[in-house]
C-alpha atoms as a PDB file:
ATOM      1  CA  UNK A   1      43.013 145.866  37.042  1.00  0.00           C
ATOM      2  CA  UNK A   2      42.556 142.413  35.576  1.00  0.00           C
ATOM      3  CA  UNK A   3      44.100 141.849  32.165  1.00  0.00           C
ATOM      4  CA  UNK A   4      41.798 141.139  29.211  1.00  0.00           C
ATOM      5  CA  UNK A   5      43.159 137.590  29.006  1.00  0.00           C
ATOM      6  CA  UNK A   6      42.483 136.944  32.700  1.00  0.00           C
ATOM      7  CA  UNK A   7      39.045 138.460  32.391  1.00  0.00           C
ATOM      8  CA  UNK A   8      38.231 136.259  29.393  1.00  0.00           C
ATOM      9  CA  UNK A   9      39.406 133.164  31.250  1.00  0.00           C
ATOM     10  CA  UNK A  10      37.261 134.163  34.217  1.00  0.00           C
ATOM     11  CA  UNK A  11      34.296 134.655  31.846  1.00  0.00           C
ATOM     12  CA  UNK A  12      34.790 131.136  30.468  1.00  0.00           C
ATOM     13  CA  UNK A  13      34.754 129.722  33.993  1.00  0.00           C
ATOM     14  CA  UNK A  14      31.644 131.726  34.890  1.00  0.00           C
ATOM     15  CA  UNK A  15      29.848 130.533  31.756  1.00  0.00           C
ATOM     16  CA  UNK A  16      30.820 126.939  32.495  1.00  0.00           C
ATOM     17  CA  UNK A  17      29.619 127.178  36.096  1.00  0.00           C
ATOM     18  CA  UNK A  18      26.385 128.840  34.996  1.00  0.00           C
ATOM     19  CA  UNK A  19      25.818 126.121  32.393  1.00  0.00           C
ATOM     20  CA  UNK A  20      26.459 123.378  34.959  1.00  0.00           C
ATOM     21  CA  UNK A  21      24.061 125.031  37.412  1.00  0.00           C
ATOM     22  CA  UNK A  22      21.450 125.304  34.652  1.00  0.00           C
ATOM     23  CA  UNK A  23      21.888 121.620  33.779  1.00  0.00           C
ATOM     24  CA  UNK A  24      21.525 120.659  37.447  1.00  0.00           C
ATOM     25  CA  UNK A  25      18.366 122.750  37.642  1.00  0.00           C
ATOM     26  CA  UNK A  26      16.937 121.110  34.512  1.00  0.00           C
ATOM     27  CA  UNK A  27      17.710 117.671  35.955  1.00  0.00           C
ATOM     28  CA  UNK A  28      16.029 118.651  39.218  1.00  0.00           C
ATOM     29  CA  UNK A  29      12.981 119.919  37.342  1.00  0.00           C
ATOM     30  CA  UNK A  30      12.688 116.665  35.384  1.00  0.00           C
ATOM     31  CA  UNK A  31      13.047 114.670  38.607  1.00  0.00           C
ATOM     32  CA  UNK A  32      10.269 116.691  40.263  1.00  0.00           C
ATOM     33  CA  UNK A  33       8.073 116.231  37.217  1.00  0.00           C
ATOM     34  CA  UNK A  34       8.652 112.452  37.294  1.00  0.00           C
ATOM     35  CA  UNK A  35       7.921 112.255  41.021  1.00  0.00           C
ATOM     36  CA  UNK A  36       4.789 114.354  40.604  1.00  0.00           C
ATOM     37  CA  UNK A  37       3.612 111.999  37.856  1.00  0.00           C
ATOM     38  CA  UNK A  38       4.270 109.015  40.134  1.00  0.00           C
ATOM     39  CA  UNK A  39       2.298 110.713  42.914  1.00  0.00           C
ATOM     40  CA  UNK A  40      -0.561 111.255  40.482  1.00  0.00           C
ATOM     41  CA  UNK A  41      -0.475 107.574  39.471  1.00  0.00           C
ATOM     42  CA  UNK A  42      -0.581 106.545  43.134  1.00  0.00           C
ATOM     43  CA  UNK A  43      -3.441 108.930  43.772  1.00  0.00           C
ATOM     44  CA  UNK A  44      -5.337 107.514  40.817  1.00  0.00           C
ATOM     45  CA  UNK A  45      -4.631 103.963  42.036  1.00  0.00           C
ATOM     46  CA  UNK A  46      -5.986 104.891  45.439  1.00  0.00           C
ATOM     47  CA  UNK A  47      -9.160 106.369  43.930  1.00  0.00           C
ATOM     48  CA  UNK A  48      -9.612 103.336  41.670  1.00  0.00           C
ATOM     49  CA  UNK A  49      -9.021 100.929  44.549  1.00  0.00           C
ATOM     50  CA  UNK A  50     -11.556 102.749  46.725  1.00  0.00           C
ATOM     51  CA  UNK A  51     -14.112 102.757  43.911  1.00  0.00           C
ATOM     52  CA  UNK A  52     -13.585  99.047  43.279  1.00  0.00           C
ATOM     53  CA  UNK A  53     -13.811  98.193  46.993  1.00  0.00           C
ATOM     54  CA  UNK A  54     -17.005 100.227  47.319  1.00  0.00           C
ATOM     55  CA  UNK A  55     -18.513  98.421  44.348  1.00  0.00           C
ATOM     56  CA  UNK A  56     -17.603  95.020  45.820  1.00  0.00           C
ATOM     57  CA  UNK A  57     -19.061  95.987  49.184  1.00  0.00           C
ATOM     58  CA  UNK A  58     -22.246  97.260  47.567  1.00  0.00           C
ATOM     59  CA  UNK A  59     -22.621  94.095  45.467  1.00  0.00           C
ATOM     60  CA  UNK A  60     -22.037  91.908  48.526  1.00  0.00           C
ATOM     61  CA  UNK A  61     -24.496  93.939  50.569  1.00  0.00           C
ATOM     62  CA  UNK A  62     -27.165  93.720  47.870  1.00  0.00           C
ATOM     63  CA  UNK A  63     -26.596  89.966  47.507  1.00  0.00           C
ATOM     64  CA  UNK A  64     -26.928  89.451  51.245  1.00  0.00           C
ATOM     65  CA  UNK A  65     -30.222  91.364  51.459  1.00  0.00           C
ATOM     66  CA  UNK A  66     -32.140  88.518  49.856  1.00  0.00           C
ATOM     67  CA  UNK A  67     -30.476  85.708  51.743  1.00  0.00           C
ATOM     68  CA  UNK A  68     -28.380  85.536  54.893  1.00  0.00           C
ATOM     69  CA  UNK A  69     -24.689  84.764  54.522  1.00  0.00           C
ATOM     70  CA  UNK A  70     -23.427  81.450  55.742  1.00  0.00           C
ATOM     71  CA  UNK A  71     -20.303  81.359  57.883  1.00  0.00           C
ATOM     72  CA  UNK A  72     -18.002  80.649  54.946  1.00  0.00           C
ATOM     73  CA  UNK A  73     -19.409  83.497  52.807  1.00  0.00           C
ATOM     74  CA  UNK A  74     -19.234  85.856  55.766  1.00  0.00           C
ATOM     75  CA  UNK A  75     -15.605  84.868  56.401  1.00  0.00           C
ATOM     76  CA  UNK A  76     -14.807  85.414  52.699  1.00  0.00           C
ATOM     77  CA  UNK A  77     -16.415  88.850  52.769  1.00  0.00           C
ATOM     78  CA  UNK A  78     -14.537  89.807  55.934  1.00  0.00           C
ATOM     79  CA  UNK A  79     -11.280  88.587  54.376  1.00  0.00           C
ATOM     80  CA  UNK A  80     -11.970  90.597  51.212  1.00  0.00           C
ATOM     81  CA  UNK A  81     -12.641  93.692  53.328  1.00  0.00           C
ATOM     82  CA  UNK A  82      -9.432  93.100  55.309  1.00  0.00           C
ATOM     83  CA  UNK A  83      -7.462  92.627  52.081  1.00  0.00           C
ATOM     84  CA  UNK A  84      -8.963  95.832  50.667  1.00  0.00           C
ATOM     85  CA  UNK A  85      -8.087  97.736  53.827  1.00  0.00           C
ATOM     86  CA  UNK A  86      -4.524  96.386  53.805  1.00  0.00           C
ATOM     87  CA  UNK A  87      -4.086  97.276  50.141  1.00  0.00           C
ATOM     88  CA  UNK A  88      -5.514 100.746  50.797  1.00  0.00           C
ATOM     89  CA  UNK A  89      -3.059 101.249  53.662  1.00  0.00           C
ATOM     90  CA  UNK A  90      -0.200 100.162  51.407  1.00  0.00           C
ATOM     91  CA  UNK A  91      -1.273 102.650  48.754  1.00  0.00           C
ATOM     92  CA  UNK A  92      -1.625 105.400  51.375  1.00  0.00           C
ATOM     93  CA  UNK A  93       1.850 104.645  52.729  1.00  0.00           C
ATOM     94  CA  UNK A  94       3.340 104.699  49.226  1.00  0.00           C
ATOM     95  CA  UNK A  95       1.568 107.982  48.463  1.00  0.00           C
ATOM     96  CA  UNK A  96       2.875 109.602  51.678  1.00  0.00           C
ATOM     97  CA  UNK A  97       6.366 108.297  50.989  1.00  0.00           C
ATOM     98  CA  UNK A  98       6.283 109.553  47.410  1.00  0.00           C
ATOM     99  CA  UNK A  99       4.933 112.926  48.575  1.00  0.00           C
ATOM    100  CA  UNK A 100       7.886 113.233  50.994  1.00  0.00           C
ATOM    101  CA  UNK A 101      10.309 112.390  48.176  1.00  0.00           C
ATOM    102  CA  UNK A 102       8.637 114.987  45.971  1.00  0.00           C
ATOM    103  CA  UNK A 103       8.840 117.641  48.696  1.00  0.00           C
ATOM    104  CA  UNK A 104      12.564 116.971  49.176  1.00  0.00           C
ATOM    105  CA  UNK A 105      13.133 117.018  45.418  1.00  0.00           C
ATOM    106  CA  UNK A 106      11.275 120.331  45.160  1.00  0.00           C
ATOM    107  CA  UNK A 107      13.394 121.817  47.937  1.00  0.00           C
ATOM    108  CA  UNK A 108      16.533 120.623  46.135  1.00  0.00           C
ATOM    109  CA  UNK A 109      15.235 122.058  42.858  1.00  0.00           C
ATOM    110  CA  UNK A 110      14.522 125.387  44.554  1.00  0.00           C
ATOM    111  CA  UNK A 111      18.077 125.446  45.905  1.00  0.00           C
ATOM    112  CA  UNK A 112      19.375 124.645  42.416  1.00  0.00           C
ATOM    113  CA  UNK A 113      17.270 127.464  40.961  1.00  0.00           C
ATOM    114  CA  UNK A 114      18.711 129.890  43.512  1.00  0.00           C
ATOM    115  CA  UNK A 115      22.248 128.715  42.716  1.00  0.00           C
ATOM    116  CA  UNK A 116      21.655 129.064  38.984  1.00  0.00           C
ATOM    117  CA  UNK A 117      20.260 132.569  39.517  1.00  0.00           C
ATOM    118  CA  UNK A 118      23.264 133.535  41.620  1.00  0.00           C
ATOM    119  CA  UNK A 119      25.681 132.210  39.014  1.00  0.00           C
ATOM    120  CA  UNK A 120      23.807 133.918  36.194  1.00  0.00           C
ATOM    121  CA  UNK A 121      23.912 137.264  38.010  1.00  0.00           C
ATOM    122  CA  UNK A 122      27.639 136.823  38.632  1.00  0.00           C
ATOM    123  CA  UNK A 123      28.184 135.995  34.957  1.00  0.00           C
ATOM    124  CA  UNK A 124      26.232 139.049  33.826  1.00  0.00           C
ATOM    125  CA  UNK A 125      28.153 141.294  36.222  1.00  0.00           C
ATOM    126  CA  UNK A 126      31.415 139.987  34.821  1.00  0.00           C
ATOM    127  CA  UNK A 127      30.111 140.491  31.272  1.00  0.00           C
ATOM    128  CA  UNK A 128      29.359 144.140  32.147  1.00  0.00           C
ATOM    129  CA  UNK A 129      32.844 144.502  33.604  1.00  0.00           C
ATOM    130  CA  UNK A 130      34.356 142.991  30.470  1.00  0.00           C
ATOM    131  CA  UNK A 131      32.298 145.315  28.247  1.00  0.00           C
ATOM    132  CA  UNK A 132      33.343 148.323  30.316  1.00  0.00           C
ATOM    133  CA  UNK A 133      36.987 147.253  30.144  1.00  0.00           C
ATOM    134  CA  UNK A 134      36.806 146.791  26.374  1.00  0.00           C
ATOM    135  CA  UNK A 135      35.155 150.202  25.998  1.00  0.00           C
ATOM    136  CA  UNK A 136      37.858 151.786  28.178  1.00  0.00           C
ATOM    137  CA  UNK A 137      40.601 150.072  26.173  1.00  0.00           C
ATOM    138  CA  UNK A 138      39.049 151.270  22.905  1.00  0.00           C
ATOM    139  CA  UNK A 139      38.821 154.847  24.228  1.00  0.00           C
ATOM    140  CA  UNK A 140      42.428 154.692  25.454  1.00  0.00           C
ATOM    141  CA  UNK A 141      43.591 153.306  22.090  1.00  0.00           C
ATOM    142  CA  UNK A 142      41.735 156.096  20.299  1.00  0.00           C
ATOM    143  CA  UNK A 143      43.290 158.734  22.563  1.00  0.00           C
ATOM    144  CA  UNK A 144      46.740 157.233  22.063  1.00  0.00           C
ATOM    145  CA  UNK A 145      46.270 157.282  18.294  1.00  0.00           C
ATOM    146  CA  UNK A 146      45.191 160.930  18.448  1.00  0.00           C
ATOM    147  CA  UNK A 147      48.230 161.796  20.562  1.00  0.00           C
ATOM    148  CA  UNK A 148      50.562 160.007  18.177  1.00  0.00           C
ATOM    149  CA  UNK A 149      48.992 161.806  15.208  1.00  0.00           C
ATOM    150  CA  UNK A 150      49.335 165.148  16.983  1.00  0.00           C
ATOM    151  CA  UNK A 151      52.949 164.418  17.859  1.00  0.00           C
ATOM    152  CA  UNK A 152      53.626 163.350  14.296  1.00  0.00           C
ATOM    153  CA  UNK A 153      52.135 166.629  13.000  1.00  0.00           C
ATOM    154  CA  UNK A 154      54.168 168.627  15.483  1.00  0.00           C
ATOM    155  CA  UNK A 155      57.290 166.687  14.514  1.00  0.00           C
ATOM    156  CA  UNK A 156      56.705 167.508  10.837  1.00  0.00           C
ATOM    157  CA  UNK A 157      56.204 171.177  11.710  1.00  0.00           C
ATOM    158  CA  UNK A 158      59.589 171.301  13.461  1.00  0.00           C
ATOM    159  CA  UNK A 159      61.381 169.916  10.386  1.00  0.00           C
ATOM    160  CA  UNK A 160      60.065 172.450   7.903  1.00  0.00           C
END
């Protein structure tokens, strides 16, 4: 059986490893939260960009209803539409990229949560073992004290 000193040292190591796993999990959770917030910002940027582009298109369309566009105005409108489309594609690419990063971070966080859970269960099992060992030692000490008292009484009975 493991000595109380060895068991206590093992408990310290288990607690340290559990604490480190918990800290890694907390860091992973914060990272996921930050990435999710960035994804939300990108999503909002995409929605805002689309709304703005739609408004520009609608304004241009309404302006062109009353008068035909000359070649220069038509070229400007086409360039604006191309710029909007390019910016939209950039935002979509960034959103997909950020979503991939978030998915990987969530997988890492899930692995960290599993590791923390495993370490916590191991720590609790060792705590139960330590409690059982302490209880056994206390019972053994009590029995030894009773035996010594009984022997002392018997020893006094032999003298008289």
